[in-house]
Amino acid sequence: MITEKMIYIKKRQTRLAIKLEDILYLEKFRRQIIVHITEGEDVRVYGKFDELLPMLDERFAHPHQSYIINMQHIIRLGSNEVIMRRSMKIKLGNHCFAKMKKAYDKYIKDNIIKYCDRKGC
């Protein structure tokens, strides 16, 4: 049986399971975390990134205290902004953008190597 990687969060009295591949990015806003997802309504929960980070994998980058980005859904890395699916834009300062670019370059390199190992490039 193949199990998909998930995060598990509590929203009031409800427990939610969200597939990692469905997460575009997580945004910290005051005491809330907004989980921006590929389809449907975004999910707002109270909590801290520290509670979710252990459930995430190598496709997620944390370039800024307010964002955790799923690099699998980056469409374009432009001048100090990240363009995600659903035309979502995340503005980042110079230092944060440099950190994001470095993480994304590593993610791309690692995934090209994995792909080539499987396909025999």
PDB file of N, CA and C in Angstrom:
ATOM      1  N   MET A   1       0.839  -1.180   0.000  1.00  0.00           N
ATOM      2  CA  MET A   1       0.000   0.000   0.000  1.00  0.00           C
ATOM      3  C   MET A   1       0.887   1.248   0.000  1.00  0.00           C
ATOM      4  N   ILE A   2       0.645   2.141  -0.944  1.00  0.00           N
ATOM      5  CA  ILE A   2       1.409   3.386  -1.027  1.00  0.00           C
ATOM      6  C   ILE A   2       0.675   4.451  -0.223  1.00  0.00           C
ATOM      7  N   THR A   3       1.412   5.087   0.675  1.00  0.00           N
ATOM      8  CA  THR A   3       0.802   6.162   1.442  1.00  0.00           C
ATOM      9  C   THR A   3       1.406   7.489   0.997  1.00  0.00           C
ATOM     10  N   GLU A   4       0.551   8.482   0.846  1.00  0.00           N
ATOM     11  CA  GLU A   4       1.006   9.795   0.442  1.00  0.00           C
ATOM     12  C   GLU A   4       1.400  10.591   1.678  1.00  0.00           C
ATOM     13  N   LYS A   5       2.395  11.442   1.514  1.00  0.00           N
ATOM     14  CA  LYS A   5       2.827  12.264   2.639  1.00  0.00           C
ATOM     15  C   LYS A   5       1.777  13.330   2.922  1.00  0.00           C
ATOM     16  N   MET A   6       1.495  13.503   4.192  1.00  0.00           N
ATOM     17  CA  MET A   6       0.431  14.418   4.616  1.00  0.00           C
ATOM     18  C   MET A   6       0.914  15.279   5.780  1.00  0.00           C
ATOM     19  N   ILE A   7       0.227  16.414   5.978  1.00  0.00           N
ATOM     20  CA  ILE A   7       0.346  17.124   7.241  1.00  0.00           C
ATOM     21  C   ILE A   7      -1.001  16.973   7.933  1.00  0.00           C
ATOM     22  N   TYR A   8      -0.949  16.938   9.222  1.00  0.00           N
ATOM     23  CA  TYR A   8      -2.159  16.785  10.020  1.00  0.00           C
ATOM     24  C   TYR A   8      -2.282  18.009  10.912  1.00  0.00           C
ATOM     25  N   ILE A   9      -3.399  18.708  10.783  1.00  0.00           N
ATOM     26  CA  ILE A   9      -3.600  19.915  11.569  1.00  0.00           C
ATOM     27  C   ILE A   9      -4.962  19.875  12.247  1.00  0.00           C
ATOM     28  N   LYS A  10      -5.046  20.632  13.311  1.00  0.00           N
ATOM     29  CA  LYS A  10      -6.282  20.702  14.086  1.00  0.00           C
ATOM     30  C   LYS A  10      -6.905  22.074  13.860  1.00  0.00           C
ATOM     31  N   LYS A  11      -8.171  22.065  13.497  1.00  0.00           N
ATOM     32  CA  LYS A  11      -8.927  23.308  13.320  1.00  0.00           C
ATOM     33  C   LYS A  11     -10.170  23.193  14.186  1.00  0.00           C
ATOM     34  N   ARG A  12     -10.158  23.899  15.281  1.00  0.00           N
ATOM     35  CA  ARG A  12     -11.197  23.793  16.306  1.00  0.00           C
ATOM     36  C   ARG A  12     -11.307  22.343  16.744  1.00  0.00           C
ATOM     37  N   GLN A  13     -12.452  21.736  16.590  1.00  0.00           N
ATOM     38  CA  GLN A  13     -12.633  20.340  17.004  1.00  0.00           C
ATOM     39  C   GLN A  13     -12.408  19.347  15.860  1.00  0.00           C
ATOM     40  N   THR A  14     -11.975  19.850  14.713  1.00  0.00           N
ATOM     41  CA  THR A  14     -11.791  19.017  13.527  1.00  0.00           C
ATOM     42  C   THR A  14     -10.317  18.752  13.279  1.00  0.00           C
ATOM     43  N   ARG A  15     -10.007  17.571  12.827  1.00  0.00           N
ATOM     44  CA  ARG A  15      -8.647  17.220  12.410  1.00  0.00           C
ATOM     45  C   ARG A  15      -8.641  17.177  10.880  1.00  0.00           C
ATOM     46  N   LEU A  16      -7.652  17.812  10.277  1.00  0.00           N
ATOM     47  CA  LEU A  16      -7.538  17.848   8.821  1.00  0.00           C
ATOM     48  C   LEU A  16      -6.258  17.161   8.385  1.00  0.00           C
ATOM     49  N   ALA A  17      -6.338  16.428   7.291  1.00  0.00           N
ATOM     50  CA  ALA A  17      -5.168  15.824   6.665  1.00  0.00           C
ATOM     51  C   ALA A  17      -5.053  16.440   5.273  1.00  0.00           C
ATOM     52  N   ILE A  18      -3.909  17.040   4.979  1.00  0.00           N
ATOM     53  CA  ILE A  18      -3.699  17.699   3.689  1.00  0.00           C
ATOM     54  C   ILE A  18      -2.461  17.082   3.052  1.00  0.00           C
ATOM     55  N   LYS A  19      -2.596  16.648   1.798  1.00  0.00           N
ATOM     56  CA  LYS A  19      -1.461  16.081   1.085  1.00  0.00           C
ATOM     57  C   LYS A  19      -0.406  17.161   0.868  1.00  0.00           C
ATOM     58  N   LEU A  20       0.866  16.803   1.060  1.00  0.00           N
ATOM     59  CA  LEU A  20       1.946  17.768   0.845  1.00  0.00           C
ATOM     60  C   LEU A  20       1.943  18.282  -0.589  1.00  0.00           C
ATOM     61  N   GLU A  21       1.655  17.417  -1.528  1.00  0.00           N
ATOM     62  CA  GLU A  21       1.670  17.844  -2.930  1.00  0.00           C
ATOM     63  C   GLU A  21       0.575  18.864  -3.248  1.00  0.00           C
ATOM     64  N   ASP A  22      -0.458  18.959  -2.409  1.00  0.00           N
ATOM     65  CA  ASP A  22      -1.545  19.905  -2.628  1.00  0.00           C
ATOM     66  C   ASP A  22      -1.277  21.282  -2.012  1.00  0.00           C
ATOM     67  N   ILE A  23      -0.200  21.410  -1.259  1.00  0.00           N
ATOM     68  CA  ILE A  23       0.123  22.681  -0.605  1.00  0.00           C
ATOM     69  C   ILE A  23       0.968  23.534  -1.542  1.00  0.00           C
ATOM     70  N   LEU A  24       0.501  24.748  -1.837  1.00  0.00           N
ATOM     71  CA  LEU A  24       1.302  25.703  -2.600  1.00  0.00           C
ATOM     72  C   LEU A  24       2.331  26.347  -1.676  1.00  0.00           C
ATOM     73  N   TYR A  25       1.834  26.943  -0.596  1.00  0.00           N
ATOM     74  CA  TYR A  25       2.715  27.524   0.416  1.00  0.00           C
ATOM     75  C   TYR A  25       1.930  27.738   1.694  1.00  0.00           C
ATOM     76  N   LEU A  26       2.676  27.940   2.766  1.00  0.00           N
ATOM     77  CA  LEU A  26       2.094  28.252   4.067  1.00  0.00           C
ATOM     78  C   LEU A  26       2.478  29.691   4.392  1.00  0.00           C
ATOM     79  N   GLU A  27       1.537  30.429   4.913  1.00  0.00           N
ATOM     80  CA  GLU A  27       1.758  31.839   5.237  1.00  0.00           C
ATOM     81  C   GLU A  27       1.406  32.083   6.697  1.00  0.00           C
ATOM     82  N   LYS A  28       2.316  32.718   7.411  1.00  0.00           N
ATOM     83  CA  LYS A  28       2.082  33.083   8.809  1.00  0.00           C
ATOM     84  C   LYS A  28       1.504  34.491   8.827  1.00  0.00           C
ATOM     85  N   PHE A  29       0.346  34.637   9.450  1.00  0.00           N
ATOM     86  CA  PHE A  29      -0.283  35.952   9.563  1.00  0.00           C
ATOM     87  C   PHE A  29      -0.802  36.092  10.983  1.00  0.00           C
ATOM     88  N   ARG A  30      -0.138  36.954  11.740  1.00  0.00           N
ATOM     89  CA  ARG A  30      -0.429  37.104  13.169  1.00  0.00           C
ATOM     90  C   ARG A  30      -0.301  35.757  13.850  1.00  0.00           C
ATOM     91  N   ARG A  31      -1.357  35.265  14.481  1.00  0.00           N
ATOM     92  CA  ARG A  31      -1.273  33.968  15.162  1.00  0.00           C
ATOM     93  C   ARG A  31      -1.809  32.820  14.309  1.00  0.00           C
ATOM     94  N   GLN A  32      -2.130  33.134  13.059  1.00  0.00           N
ATOM     95  CA  GLN A  32      -2.697  32.119  12.181  1.00  0.00           C
ATOM     96  C   GLN A  32      -1.705  31.647  11.131  1.00  0.00           C
ATOM     97  N   ILE A  33      -1.911  30.431  10.680  1.00  0.00           N
ATOM     98  CA  ILE A  33      -1.204  29.891   9.521  1.00  0.00           C
ATOM     99  C   ILE A  33      -2.257  29.684   8.444  1.00  0.00           C
ATOM    100  N   ILE A  34      -1.988  30.231   7.274  1.00  0.00           N
ATOM    101  CA  ILE A  34      -2.884  30.040   6.135  1.00  0.00           C
ATOM    102  C   ILE A  34      -2.214  29.023   5.221  1.00  0.00           C
ATOM    103  N   VAL A  35      -2.890  27.911   5.001  1.00  0.00           N
ATOM    104  CA  VAL A  35      -2.392  26.869   4.112  1.00  0.00           C
ATOM    105  C   VAL A  35      -3.033  27.112   2.752  1.00  0.00           C
ATOM    106  N   HIS A  36      -2.221  27.615   1.813  1.00  0.00           N
ATOM    107  CA  HIS A  36      -2.701  27.878   0.454  1.00  0.00           C
ATOM    108  C   HIS A  36      -2.580  26.569  -0.321  1.00  0.00           C
ATOM    109  N   ILE A  37      -3.709  26.100  -0.852  1.00  0.00           N
ATOM    110  CA  ILE A  37      -3.719  24.809  -1.521  1.00  0.00           C
ATOM    111  C   ILE A  37      -4.026  24.948  -3.005  1.00  0.00           C
ATOM    112  N   THR A  38      -3.729  23.883  -3.751  1.00  0.00           N
ATOM    113  CA  THR A  38      -3.855  23.938  -5.209  1.00  0.00           C
ATOM    114  C   THR A  38      -5.285  24.113  -5.674  1.00  0.00           C
ATOM    115  N   GLU A  39      -6.216  23.470  -4.995  1.00  0.00           N
ATOM    116  CA  GLU A  39      -7.630  23.593  -5.381  1.00  0.00           C
ATOM    117  C   GLU A  39      -8.485  23.724  -4.135  1.00  0.00           C
ATOM    118  N   GLY A  40      -9.550  24.480  -4.260  1.00  0.00           N
ATOM    119  CA  GLY A  40     -10.456  24.649  -3.130  1.00  0.00           C
ATOM    120  C   GLY A  40     -10.056  25.825  -2.260  1.00  0.00           C
ATOM    121  N   GLU A  41     -10.714  25.922  -1.122  1.00  0.00           N
ATOM    122  CA  GLU A  41     -10.472  27.031  -0.199  1.00  0.00           C
ATOM    123  C   GLU A  41      -9.204  26.829   0.605  1.00  0.00           C
ATOM    124  N   ASP A  42      -8.497  27.933   0.824  1.00  0.00           N
ATOM    125  CA  ASP A  42      -7.336  27.891   1.695  1.00  0.00           C
ATOM    126  C   ASP A  42      -7.798  27.596   3.113  1.00  0.00           C
ATOM    127  N   VAL A  43      -6.911  27.004   3.901  1.00  0.00           N
ATOM    128  CA  VAL A  43      -7.253  26.601   5.256  1.00  0.00           C
ATOM    129  C   VAL A  43      -6.535  27.522   6.235  1.00  0.00           C
ATOM    130  N   ARG A  44      -7.280  28.082   7.191  1.00  0.00           N
ATOM    131  CA  ARG A  44      -6.712  28.942   8.229  1.00  0.00           C
ATOM    132  C   ARG A  44      -6.792  28.222   9.565  1.00  0.00           C
ATOM    133  N   VAL A  45      -5.640  28.141  10.232  1.00  0.00           N
ATOM    134  CA  VAL A  45      -5.592  27.504  11.548  1.00  0.00           C
ATOM    135  C   VAL A  45      -4.714  28.338  12.469  1.00  0.00           C
ATOM    136  N   TYR A  46      -4.933  28.213  13.762  1.00  0.00           N
ATOM    137  CA  TYR A  46      -4.049  28.842  14.729  1.00  0.00           C
ATOM    138  C   TYR A  46      -2.887  27.896  14.991  1.00  0.00           C
ATOM    139  N   GLY A  47      -1.698  28.455  15.050  1.00  0.00           N
ATOM    140  CA  GLY A  47      -0.550  27.609  15.310  1.00  0.00           C
ATOM    141  C   GLY A  47       0.750  28.296  14.962  1.00  0.00           C
ATOM    142  N   LYS A  48       1.818  27.499  14.985  1.00  0.00           N
ATOM    143  CA  LYS A  48       3.162  27.990  14.692  1.00  0.00           C
ATOM    144  C   LYS A  48       3.798  27.105  13.629  1.00  0.00           C
ATOM    145  N   PHE A  49       4.679  27.707  12.848  1.00  0.00           N
ATOM    146  CA  PHE A  49       5.400  26.942  11.839  1.00  0.00           C
ATOM    147  C   PHE A  49       6.174  25.792  12.474  1.00  0.00           C
ATOM    148  N   ASP A  50       6.722  26.017  13.651  1.00  0.00           N
ATOM    149  CA  ASP A  50       7.523  24.984  14.318  1.00  0.00           C
ATOM    150  C   ASP A  50       6.742  23.686  14.501  1.00  0.00           C
ATOM    151  N   GLU A  51       5.428  23.778  14.603  1.00  0.00           N
ATOM    152  CA  GLU A  51       4.600  22.582  14.762  1.00  0.00           C
ATOM    153  C   GLU A  51       4.444  21.829  13.434  1.00  0.00           C
ATOM    154  N   LEU A  52       4.529  22.546  12.314  1.00  0.00           N
ATOM    155  CA  LEU A  52       4.329  21.925  11.004  1.00  0.00           C
ATOM    156  C   LEU A  52       5.631  21.502  10.321  1.00  0.00           C
ATOM    157  N   LEU A  53       6.726  22.190  10.609  1.00  0.00           N
ATOM    158  CA  LEU A  53       7.993  21.904   9.930  1.00  0.00           C
ATOM    159  C   LEU A  53       8.403  20.431   9.962  1.00  0.00           C
ATOM    160  N   PRO A  54       8.256  19.722  11.088  1.00  0.00           N
ATOM    161  CA  PRO A  54       8.658  18.309  11.095  1.00  0.00           C
ATOM    162  C   PRO A  54       7.834  17.424  10.147  1.00  0.00           C
ATOM    163  N   MET A  55       6.660  17.867   9.732  1.00  0.00           N
ATOM    164  CA  MET A  55       5.800  17.083   8.837  1.00  0.00           C
ATOM    165  C   MET A  55       6.110  17.343   7.361  1.00  0.00           C
ATOM    166  N   LEU A  56       6.939  18.342   7.071  1.00  0.00           N
ATOM    167  CA  LEU A  56       7.247  18.715   5.692  1.00  0.00           C
ATOM    168  C   LEU A  56       8.499  17.994   5.216  1.00  0.00           C
ATOM    169  N   ASP A  57       8.693  17.949   3.892  1.00  0.00           N
ATOM    170  CA  ASP A  57       9.870  17.277   3.352  1.00  0.00           C
ATOM    171  C   ASP A  57      10.751  18.247   2.565  1.00  0.00           C
ATOM    172  N   GLU A  58      11.675  17.685   1.769  1.00  0.00           N
ATOM    173  CA  GLU A  58      12.699  18.480   1.093  1.00  0.00           C
ATOM    174  C   GLU A  58      12.164  19.413   0.022  1.00  0.00           C
ATOM    175  N   ARG A  59      10.936  19.259  -0.380  1.00  0.00           N
ATOM    176  CA  ARG A  59      10.399  20.163  -1.404  1.00  0.00           C
ATOM    177  C   ARG A  59       9.970  21.518  -0.833  1.00  0.00           C
ATOM    178  N   PHE A  60      10.015  21.667   0.493  1.00  0.00           N
ATOM    179  CA  PHE A  60       9.597  22.911   1.133  1.00  0.00           C
ATOM    180  C   PHE A  60      10.806  23.744   1.560  1.00  0.00           C
ATOM    181  N   ALA A  61      10.727  25.050   1.264  1.00  0.00           N
ATOM    182  CA  ALA A  61      11.769  26.008   1.663  1.00  0.00           C
ATOM    183  C   ALA A  61      11.144  27.042   2.589  1.00  0.00           C
ATOM    184  N   HIS A  62      11.939  27.504   3.531  1.00  0.00           N
ATOM    185  CA  HIS A  62      11.473  28.488   4.522  1.00  0.00           C
ATOM    186  C   HIS A  62      12.369  29.732   4.424  1.00  0.00           C
ATOM    187  N   PRO A  63      12.187  30.511   3.343  1.00  0.00           N
ATOM    188  CA  PRO A  63      13.091  31.643   3.104  1.00  0.00           C
ATOM    189  C   PRO A  63      12.796  32.885   3.942  1.00  0.00           C
ATOM    190  N   HIS A  64      11.646  32.905   4.581  1.00  0.00           N
ATOM    191  CA  HIS A  64      11.182  34.100   5.279  1.00  0.00           C
ATOM    192  C   HIS A  64      10.369  33.656   6.479  1.00  0.00           C
ATOM    193  N   GLN A  65      10.373  34.460   7.526  1.00  0.00           N
ATOM    194  CA  GLN A  65       9.646  34.069   8.738  1.00  0.00           C
ATOM    195  C   GLN A  65       8.142  33.925   8.505  1.00  0.00           C
ATOM    196  N   SER A  66       7.630  34.506   7.432  1.00  0.00           N
ATOM    197  CA  SER A  66       6.188  34.449   7.163  1.00  0.00           C
ATOM    198  C   SER A  66       5.778  33.431   6.106  1.00  0.00           C
ATOM    199  N   TYR A  67       6.742  32.754   5.466  1.00  0.00           N
ATOM    200  CA  TYR A  67       6.404  31.841   4.380  1.00  0.00           C
ATOM    201  C   TYR A  67       7.191  30.537   4.441  1.00  0.00           C
ATOM    202  N   ILE A  68       6.505  29.462   4.101  1.00  0.00           N
ATOM    203  CA  ILE A  68       7.131  28.182   3.771  1.00  0.00           C
ATOM    204  C   ILE A  68       6.576  27.828   2.397  1.00  0.00           C
ATOM    205  N   ILE A  69       7.459  27.634   1.431  1.00  0.00           N
ATOM    206  CA  ILE A  69       7.056  27.501   0.028  1.00  0.00           C
ATOM    207  C   ILE A  69       7.308  26.086  -0.477  1.00  0.00           C
ATOM    208  N   ASN A  70       6.309  25.534  -1.149  1.00  0.00           N
ATOM    209  CA  ASN A  70       6.453  24.229  -1.800  1.00  0.00           C
ATOM    210  C   ASN A  70       7.069  24.472  -3.175  1.00  0.00           C
ATOM    211  N   MET A  71       8.341  24.133  -3.323  1.00  0.00           N
ATOM    212  CA  MET A  71       9.066  24.423  -4.556  1.00  0.00           C
ATOM    213  C   MET A  71       8.538  23.623  -5.745  1.00  0.00           C
ATOM    214  N   GLN A  72       7.800  22.584  -5.478  1.00  0.00           N
ATOM    215  CA  GLN A  72       7.175  21.778  -6.526  1.00  0.00           C
ATOM    216  C   GLN A  72       6.178  22.611  -7.339  1.00  0.00           C
ATOM    217  N   HIS A  73       5.644  23.679  -6.757  1.00  0.00           N
ATOM    218  CA  HIS A  73       4.611  24.478  -7.416  1.00  0.00           C
ATOM    219  C   HIS A  73       5.093  25.857  -7.867  1.00  0.00           C
ATOM    220  N   ILE A  74       6.398  26.058  -7.901  1.00  0.00           N
ATOM    221  CA  ILE A  74       6.922  27.340  -8.394  1.00  0.00           C
ATOM    222  C   ILE A  74       6.828  27.340  -9.915  1.00  0.00           C
ATOM    223  N   ILE A  75       6.240  28.397 -10.437  1.00  0.00           N
ATOM    224  CA  ILE A  75       6.149  28.592 -11.884  1.00  0.00           C
ATOM    225  C   ILE A  75       7.336  29.416 -12.369  1.00  0.00           C
ATOM    226  N   ARG A  76       7.653  30.461 -11.585  1.00  0.00           N
ATOM    227  CA  ARG A  76       8.752  31.343 -11.981  1.00  0.00           C
ATOM    228  C   ARG A  76       9.354  31.993 -10.754  1.00  0.00           C
ATOM    229  N   LEU A  77      10.663  32.095 -10.779  1.00  0.00           N
ATOM    230  CA  LEU A  77      11.401  32.812  -9.745  1.00  0.00           C
ATOM    231  C   LEU A  77      11.897  34.081 -10.423  1.00  0.00           C
ATOM    232  N   GLY A  78      11.269  35.217 -10.112  1.00  0.00           N
ATOM    233  CA  GLY A  78      11.600  36.470 -10.791  1.00  0.00           C
ATOM    234  C   GLY A  78      12.293  37.434  -9.865  1.00  0.00           C
ATOM    235  N   SER A  79      12.360  38.681 -10.274  1.00  0.00           N
ATOM    236  CA  SER A  79      13.074  39.702  -9.504  1.00  0.00           C
ATOM    237  C   SER A  79      12.399  39.916  -8.146  1.00  0.00           C
ATOM    238  N   ASN A  80      12.926  39.261  -7.149  1.00  0.00           N
ATOM    239  CA  ASN A  80      12.461  39.356  -5.759  1.00  0.00           C
ATOM    240  C   ASN A  80      11.024  38.908  -5.532  1.00  0.00           C
ATOM    241  N   GLU A  81      10.537  38.033  -6.404  1.00  0.00           N
ATOM    242  CA  GLU A  81       9.218  37.464  -6.175  1.00  0.00           C
ATOM    243  C   GLU A  81       9.182  36.027  -6.673  1.00  0.00           C
ATOM    244  N   VAL A  82       8.296  35.275  -6.076  1.00  0.00           N
ATOM    245  CA  VAL A  82       8.079  33.889  -6.471  1.00  0.00           C
ATOM    246  C   VAL A  82       6.656  33.815  -7.018  1.00  0.00           C
ATOM    247  N   ILE A  83       6.514  33.288  -8.226  1.00  0.00           N
ATOM    248  CA  ILE A  83       5.202  33.112  -8.834  1.00  0.00           C
ATOM    249  C   ILE A  83       4.831  31.638  -8.680  1.00  0.00           C
ATOM    250  N   MET A  84       3.701  31.416  -8.024  1.00  0.00           N
ATOM    251  CA  MET A  84       3.231  30.068  -7.766  1.00  0.00           C
ATOM    252  C   MET A  84       2.058  29.753  -8.694  1.00  0.00           C
ATOM    253  N   ARG A  85       1.641  28.510  -8.701  1.00  0.00           N
ATOM    254  CA  ARG A  85       0.410  28.147  -9.414  1.00  0.00           C
ATOM    255  C   ARG A  85      -0.734  28.970  -8.857  1.00  0.00           C
ATOM    256  N   ARG A  86      -1.825  29.031  -9.564  1.00  0.00           N
ATOM    257  CA  ARG A  86      -2.983  29.868  -9.233  1.00  0.00           C
ATOM    258  C   ARG A  86      -2.612  31.353  -9.285  1.00  0.00           C
ATOM    259  N   SER A  87      -1.533  31.686  -9.999  1.00  0.00           N
ATOM    260  CA  SER A  87      -1.066  33.071 -10.176  1.00  0.00           C
ATOM    261  C   SER A  87      -0.797  33.785  -8.854  1.00  0.00           C
ATOM    262  N   MET A  88      -0.410  33.051  -7.841  1.00  0.00           N
ATOM    263  CA  MET A  88      -0.093  33.659  -6.547  1.00  0.00           C
ATOM    264  C   MET A  88       1.341  34.168  -6.577  1.00  0.00           C
ATOM    265  N   LYS A  89       1.521  35.393  -6.087  1.00  0.00           N
ATOM    266  CA  LYS A  89       2.842  36.010  -6.044  1.00  0.00           C
ATOM    267  C   LYS A  89       3.258  36.197  -4.594  1.00  0.00           C
ATOM    268  N   ILE A  90       4.507  35.852  -4.317  1.00  0.00           N
ATOM    269  CA  ILE A  90       5.067  36.056  -2.988  1.00  0.00           C
ATOM    270  C   ILE A  90       6.260  36.989  -3.155  1.00  0.00           C
ATOM    271  N   LYS A  91       6.153  38.177  -2.586  1.00  0.00           N
ATOM    272  CA  LYS A  91       7.244  39.150  -2.637  1.00  0.00           C
ATOM    273  C   LYS A  91       8.235  38.835  -1.520  1.00  0.00           C
ATOM    274  N   LEU A  92       9.517  38.859  -1.860  1.00  0.00           N
ATOM    275  CA  LEU A  92      10.568  38.602  -0.879  1.00  0.00           C
ATOM    276  C   LEU A  92      11.628  39.689  -0.974  1.00  0.00           C
ATOM    277  N   GLY A  93      12.178  40.083   0.151  1.00  0.00           N
ATOM    278  CA  GLY A  93      13.290  41.030   0.165  1.00  0.00           C
ATOM    279  C   GLY A  93      14.538  40.384  -0.413  1.00  0.00           C
ATOM    280  N   ASN A  94      15.567  41.177  -0.643  1.00  0.00           N
ATOM    281  CA  ASN A  94      16.798  40.685  -1.279  1.00  0.00           C
ATOM    282  C   ASN A  94      17.416  39.488  -0.558  1.00  0.00           C
ATOM    283  N   HIS A  95      17.560  39.586   0.764  1.00  0.00           N
ATOM    284  CA  HIS A  95      18.186  38.500   1.527  1.00  0.00           C
ATOM    285  C   HIS A  95      17.335  37.233   1.458  1.00  0.00           C
ATOM    286  N   CYS A  96      16.042  37.373   1.644  1.00  0.00           N
ATOM    287  CA  CYS A  96      15.133  36.217   1.605  1.00  0.00           C
ATOM    288  C   CYS A  96      15.066  35.625   0.204  1.00  0.00           C
ATOM    289  N   PHE A  97      15.090  36.494  -0.808  1.00  0.00           N
ATOM    290  CA  PHE A  97      15.035  36.014  -2.178  1.00  0.00           C
ATOM    291  C   PHE A  97      16.284  35.214  -2.517  1.00  0.00           C
ATOM    292  N   ALA A  98      17.439  35.687  -2.066  1.00  0.00           N
ATOM    293  CA  ALA A  98      18.697  34.961  -2.309  1.00  0.00           C
ATOM    294  C   ALA A  98      18.649  33.580  -1.655  1.00  0.00           C
ATOM    295  N   LYS A  99      18.107  33.508  -0.457  1.00  0.00           N
ATOM    296  CA  LYS A  99      17.959  32.232   0.252  1.00  0.00           C
ATOM    297  C   LYS A  99      17.004  31.318  -0.515  1.00  0.00           C
ATOM    298  N   MET A 100      15.920  31.877  -1.023  1.00  0.00           N
ATOM    299  CA  MET A 100      14.942  31.100  -1.787  1.00  0.00           C
ATOM    300  C   MET A 100      15.558  30.586  -3.078  1.00  0.00           C
ATOM    301  N   LYS A 101      16.286  31.432  -3.773  1.00  0.00           N
ATOM    302  CA  LYS A 101      16.914  31.052  -5.042  1.00  0.00           C
ATOM    303  C   LYS A 101      17.898  29.909  -4.830  1.00  0.00           C
ATOM    304  N   LYS A 102      18.675  29.990  -3.777  1.00  0.00           N
ATOM    305  CA  LYS A 102      19.657  28.938  -3.464  1.00  0.00           C
ATOM    306  C   LYS A 102      18.941  27.609  -3.180  1.00  0.00           C
ATOM    307  N   ALA A 103      17.876  27.654  -2.388  1.00  0.00           N
ATOM    308  CA  ALA A 103      17.115  26.440  -2.062  1.00  0.00           C
ATOM    309  C   ALA A 103      16.467  25.859  -3.324  1.00  0.00           C
ATOM    310  N   TYR A 104      15.930  26.724  -4.176  1.00  0.00           N
ATOM    311  CA  TYR A 104      15.262  26.260  -5.395  1.00  0.00           C
ATOM    312  C   TYR A 104      16.263  25.652  -6.376  1.00  0.00           C
ATOM    313  N   ASP A 105      17.421  26.275  -6.526  1.00  0.00           N
ATOM    314  CA  ASP A 105      18.466  25.727  -7.398  1.00  0.00           C
ATOM    315  C   ASP A 105      18.874  24.328  -6.940  1.00  0.00           C
ATOM    316  N   LYS A 106      19.012  24.139  -5.635  1.00  0.00           N
ATOM    317  CA  LYS A 106      19.362  22.827  -5.080  1.00  0.00           C
ATOM    318  C   LYS A 106      18.230  21.828  -5.337  1.00  0.00           C
ATOM    319  N   TYR A 107      16.999  22.253  -5.127  1.00  0.00           N
ATOM    320  CA  TYR A 107      15.846  21.387  -5.358  1.00  0.00           C
ATOM    321  C   TYR A 107      15.796  20.927  -6.816  1.00  0.00           C
ATOM    322  N   ILE A 108      15.989  21.840  -7.736  1.00  0.00           N
ATOM    323  CA  ILE A 108      15.973  21.509  -9.171  1.00  0.00           C
ATOM    324  C   ILE A 108      17.104  20.540  -9.494  1.00  0.00           C
ATOM    325  N   LYS A 109      18.295  20.840  -9.028  1.00  0.00           N
ATOM    326  CA  LYS A 109      19.456  19.984  -9.290  1.00  0.00           C
ATOM    327  C   LYS A 109      19.217  18.571  -8.747  1.00  0.00           C
ATOM    328  N   ASP A 110      18.757  18.464  -7.510  1.00  0.00           N
ATOM    329  CA  ASP A 110      18.511  17.161  -6.898  1.00  0.00           C
ATOM    330  C   ASP A 110      17.437  16.382  -7.645  1.00  0.00           C
ATOM    331  N   ASN A 111      16.407  17.068  -8.103  1.00  0.00           N
ATOM    332  CA  ASN A 111      15.324  16.380  -8.797  1.00  0.00           C
ATOM    333  C   ASN A 111      15.677  16.005 -10.225  1.00  0.00           C
ATOM    334  N   ILE A 112      16.538  16.758 -10.872  1.00  0.00           N
ATOM    335  CA  ILE A 112      17.022  16.371 -12.200  1.00  0.00           C
ATOM    336  C   ILE A 112      17.867  15.110 -12.066  1.00  0.00           C
ATOM    337  N   ILE A 113      18.710  15.052 -11.042  1.00  0.00           N
ATOM    338  CA  ILE A 113      19.540  13.869 -10.817  1.00  0.00           C
ATOM    339  C   ILE A 113      18.655  12.653 -10.536  1.00  0.00           C
ATOM    340  N   LYS A 114      17.637  12.801  -9.672  1.00  0.00           N
ATOM    341  CA  LYS A 114      16.723  11.689  -9.378  1.00  0.00           C
ATOM    342  C   LYS A 114      15.997  11.238 -10.643  1.00  0.00           C
ATOM    343  N   TYR A 115      15.535  12.204 -11.448  1.00  0.00           N
ATOM    344  CA  TYR A 115      14.826  11.885 -12.676  1.00  0.00           C
ATOM    345  C   TYR A 115      15.740  11.146 -13.651  1.00  0.00           C
ATOM    346  N   CYS A 116      16.948  11.632 -13.812  1.00  0.00           N
ATOM    347  CA  CYS A 116      17.897  11.007 -14.733  1.00  0.00           C
ATOM    348  C   CYS A 116      18.313   9.617 -14.252  1.00  0.00           C
ATOM    349  N   ASP A 117      18.420   9.436 -12.958  1.00  0.00           N
ATOM    350  CA  ASP A 117      18.750   8.113 -12.428  1.00  0.00           C
ATOM    351  C   ASP A 117      17.655   7.104 -12.778  1.00  0.00           C
ATOM    352  N   ARG A 118      16.395   7.559 -12.715  1.00  0.00           N
ATOM    353  CA  ARG A 118      15.274   6.673 -13.042  1.00  0.00           C
ATOM    354  C   ARG A 118      15.132   6.457 -14.543  1.00  0.00           C
ATOM    355  N   LYS A 119      15.357   7.501 -15.330  1.00  0.00           N
ATOM    356  CA  LYS A 119      15.105   7.448 -16.779  1.00  0.00           C
ATOM    357  C   LYS A 119      16.362   7.155 -17.604  1.00  0.00           C
ATOM    358  N   GLY A 120      17.536   7.217 -16.974  1.00  0.00           N
ATOM    359  CA  GLY A 120      18.774   6.930 -17.696  1.00  0.00           C
ATOM    360  C   GLY A 120      19.211   8.049 -18.620  1.00  0.00           C
ATOM    361  N   CYS A 121      19.214   9.277 -18.128  1.00  0.00           N
ATOM    362  CA  CYS A 121      19.644  10.439 -18.937  1.00  0.00           C
ATOM    363  C   CYS A 121      21.116  10.362 -19.276  1.00  0.00           C
TER     364      CYS A 121
END
